[in-house]
C-alpha atoms as a PDB file:
ATOM      1  CA  MET A   1      76.238  95.120  75.393  1.00  0.00           C
ATOM      2  CA  VAL A   2      78.767  92.488  76.357  1.00  0.00           C
ATOM      3  CA  ASN A   3      76.054  90.144  77.688  1.00  0.00           C
ATOM      4  CA  ASP A   4      74.032  90.431  74.478  1.00  0.00           C
ATOM      5  CA  PHE A   5      77.064  89.514  72.523  1.00  0.00           C
ATOM      6  CA  CYS A   6      77.820  86.549  74.885  1.00  0.00           C
ATOM      7  CA  MET A   7      74.167  85.291  74.720  1.00  0.00           C
ATOM      8  CA  HIS A   8      74.385  85.533  70.914  1.00  0.00           C
ATOM      9  CA  ILE A   9      77.530  83.284  70.918  1.00  0.00           C
ATOM     10  CA  TYR A  10      75.861  80.933  73.425  1.00  0.00           C
ATOM     11  CA  TYR A  11      72.810  80.533  71.243  1.00  0.00           C
ATOM     12  CA  LEU A  12      74.940  80.077  68.125  1.00  0.00           C
ATOM     13  CA  GLU A  13      76.855  77.340  69.867  1.00  0.00           C
ATOM     14  CA  GLN A  14      73.582  75.690  70.887  1.00  0.00           C
ATOM     15  CA  ILE A  15      72.017  75.896  67.444  1.00  0.00           C
ATOM     16  CA  ARG A  16      75.116  74.496  65.796  1.00  0.00           C
ATOM     17  CA  GLY A  17      75.103  71.754  68.448  1.00  0.00           C
ATOM     18  CA  HIS A  18      78.748  72.119  69.274  1.00  0.00           C
ATOM     19  CA  VAL A  19      80.044  70.474  72.358  1.00  0.00           C
ATOM     20  CA  SER A  20      82.639  73.276  72.784  1.00  0.00           C
ATOM     21  CA  PHE A  21      82.050  76.252  74.955  1.00  0.00           C
ATOM     22  CA  THR A  22      84.886  78.731  74.600  1.00  0.00           C
ATOM     23  CA  ALA A  23      86.928  79.908  77.560  1.00  0.00           C
ATOM     24  CA  PHE A  24      85.965  83.369  76.377  1.00  0.00           C
ATOM     25  CA  TYR A  25      82.348  82.661  77.172  1.00  0.00           C
ATOM     26  CA  PHE A  26      83.002  81.550  80.677  1.00  0.00           C
ATOM     27  CA  LEU A  27      85.617  84.212  81.479  1.00  0.00           C
ATOM     28  CA  THR A  28      83.917  87.233  80.065  1.00  0.00           C
ATOM     29  CA  CYS A  29      80.196  86.516  80.206  1.00  0.00           C
ATOM     30  CA  GLN A  30      79.389  84.887  83.378  1.00  0.00           C
ATOM     31  CA  THR A  31      79.823  85.212  87.129  1.00  0.00           C
ATOM     32  CA  PHE A  32      81.479  82.405  88.824  1.00  0.00           C
ATOM     33  CA  GLU A  33      78.096  80.856  90.000  1.00  0.00           C
ATOM     34  CA  GLN A  34      76.635  81.060  86.478  1.00  0.00           C
ATOM     35  CA  SER A  35      79.700  79.589  84.866  1.00  0.00           C
ATOM     36  CA  PHE A  36      79.689  76.751  87.440  1.00  0.00           C
ATOM     37  CA  LEU A  37      76.077  75.866  86.632  1.00  0.00           C
ATOM     38  CA  ASN A  38      76.775  76.178  82.916  1.00  0.00           C
ATOM     39  CA  THR A  39      79.707  73.889  83.273  1.00  0.00           C
ATOM     40  CA  MET A  40      77.599  71.308  85.029  1.00  0.00           C
ATOM     41  CA  ASN A  41      74.956  71.569  82.307  1.00  0.00           C
ATOM     42  CA  PHE A  42      77.639  71.384  79.618  1.00  0.00           C
ATOM     43  CA  ILE A  43      79.150  68.214  81.231  1.00  0.00           C
ATOM     44  CA  ALA A  44      75.650  66.635  81.474  1.00  0.00           C
ATOM     45  CA  ALA A  45      74.945  67.489  77.887  1.00  0.00           C
ATOM     46  CA  SER A  46      78.319  66.096  76.824  1.00  0.00           C
ATOM     47  CA  TRP A  47      77.540  62.768  78.576  1.00  0.00           C
ATOM     48  CA  ASP A  48      74.232  62.625  76.884  1.00  0.00           C
ATOM     49  CA  LEU A  49      75.933  63.037  73.469  1.00  0.00           C
ATOM     50  CA  ILE A  50      78.617  60.533  74.249  1.00  0.00           C
ATOM     51  CA  PHE A  51      76.017  57.905  75.362  1.00  0.00           C
ATOM     52  CA  LEU A  52      73.922  58.684  72.282  1.00  0.00           C
ATOM     53  CA  GLY A  53      77.011  58.150  70.160  1.00  0.00           C
ATOM     54  CA  LEU A  54      77.769  54.853  71.937  1.00  0.00           C
ATOM     55  CA  LYS A  55      74.197  53.630  71.470  1.00  0.00           C
ATOM     56  CA  THR A  56      74.197  54.537  67.752  1.00  0.00           C
ATOM     57  CA  ASN A  57      77.560  52.862  67.386  1.00  0.00           C
ATOM     58  CA  ILE A  58      76.305  49.640  69.018  1.00  0.00           C
ATOM     59  CA  ILE A  59      73.140  49.649  66.914  1.00  0.00           C
ATOM     60  CA  ASN A  60      75.169  50.178  63.699  1.00  0.00           C
ATOM     61  CA  GLN A  61      77.544  47.363  64.688  1.00  0.00           C
ATOM     62  CA  ASN A  62      74.590  45.040  65.267  1.00  0.00           C
ATOM     63  CA  ILE A  63      73.151  45.939  61.809  1.00  0.00           C
ATOM     64  CA  ILE A  64      76.566  45.194  60.203  1.00  0.00           C
ATOM     65  CA  LEU A  65      76.848  41.897  62.075  1.00  0.00           C
ATOM     66  CA  ASP A  66      73.311  40.942  60.876  1.00  0.00           C
ATOM     67  CA  LEU A  67      74.308  41.724  57.322  1.00  0.00           C
ATOM     68  CA  ILE A  68      77.394  39.504  57.554  1.00  0.00           C
END
């Protein structure tokens, strides 16, 4: 029951595209190994988002510079 609830939260977080995993999720839903792997995946996903943001920002700045 707890695991179903946790997976539900996990999928909701994924669907909404939030970069926030709650401490609740790690503490109550996962064994240490699983949370370690999830943390690694989470960090990797965060970096992807950060780089994507940087790329978009650079592209936007170039467009603005072109307009000027």
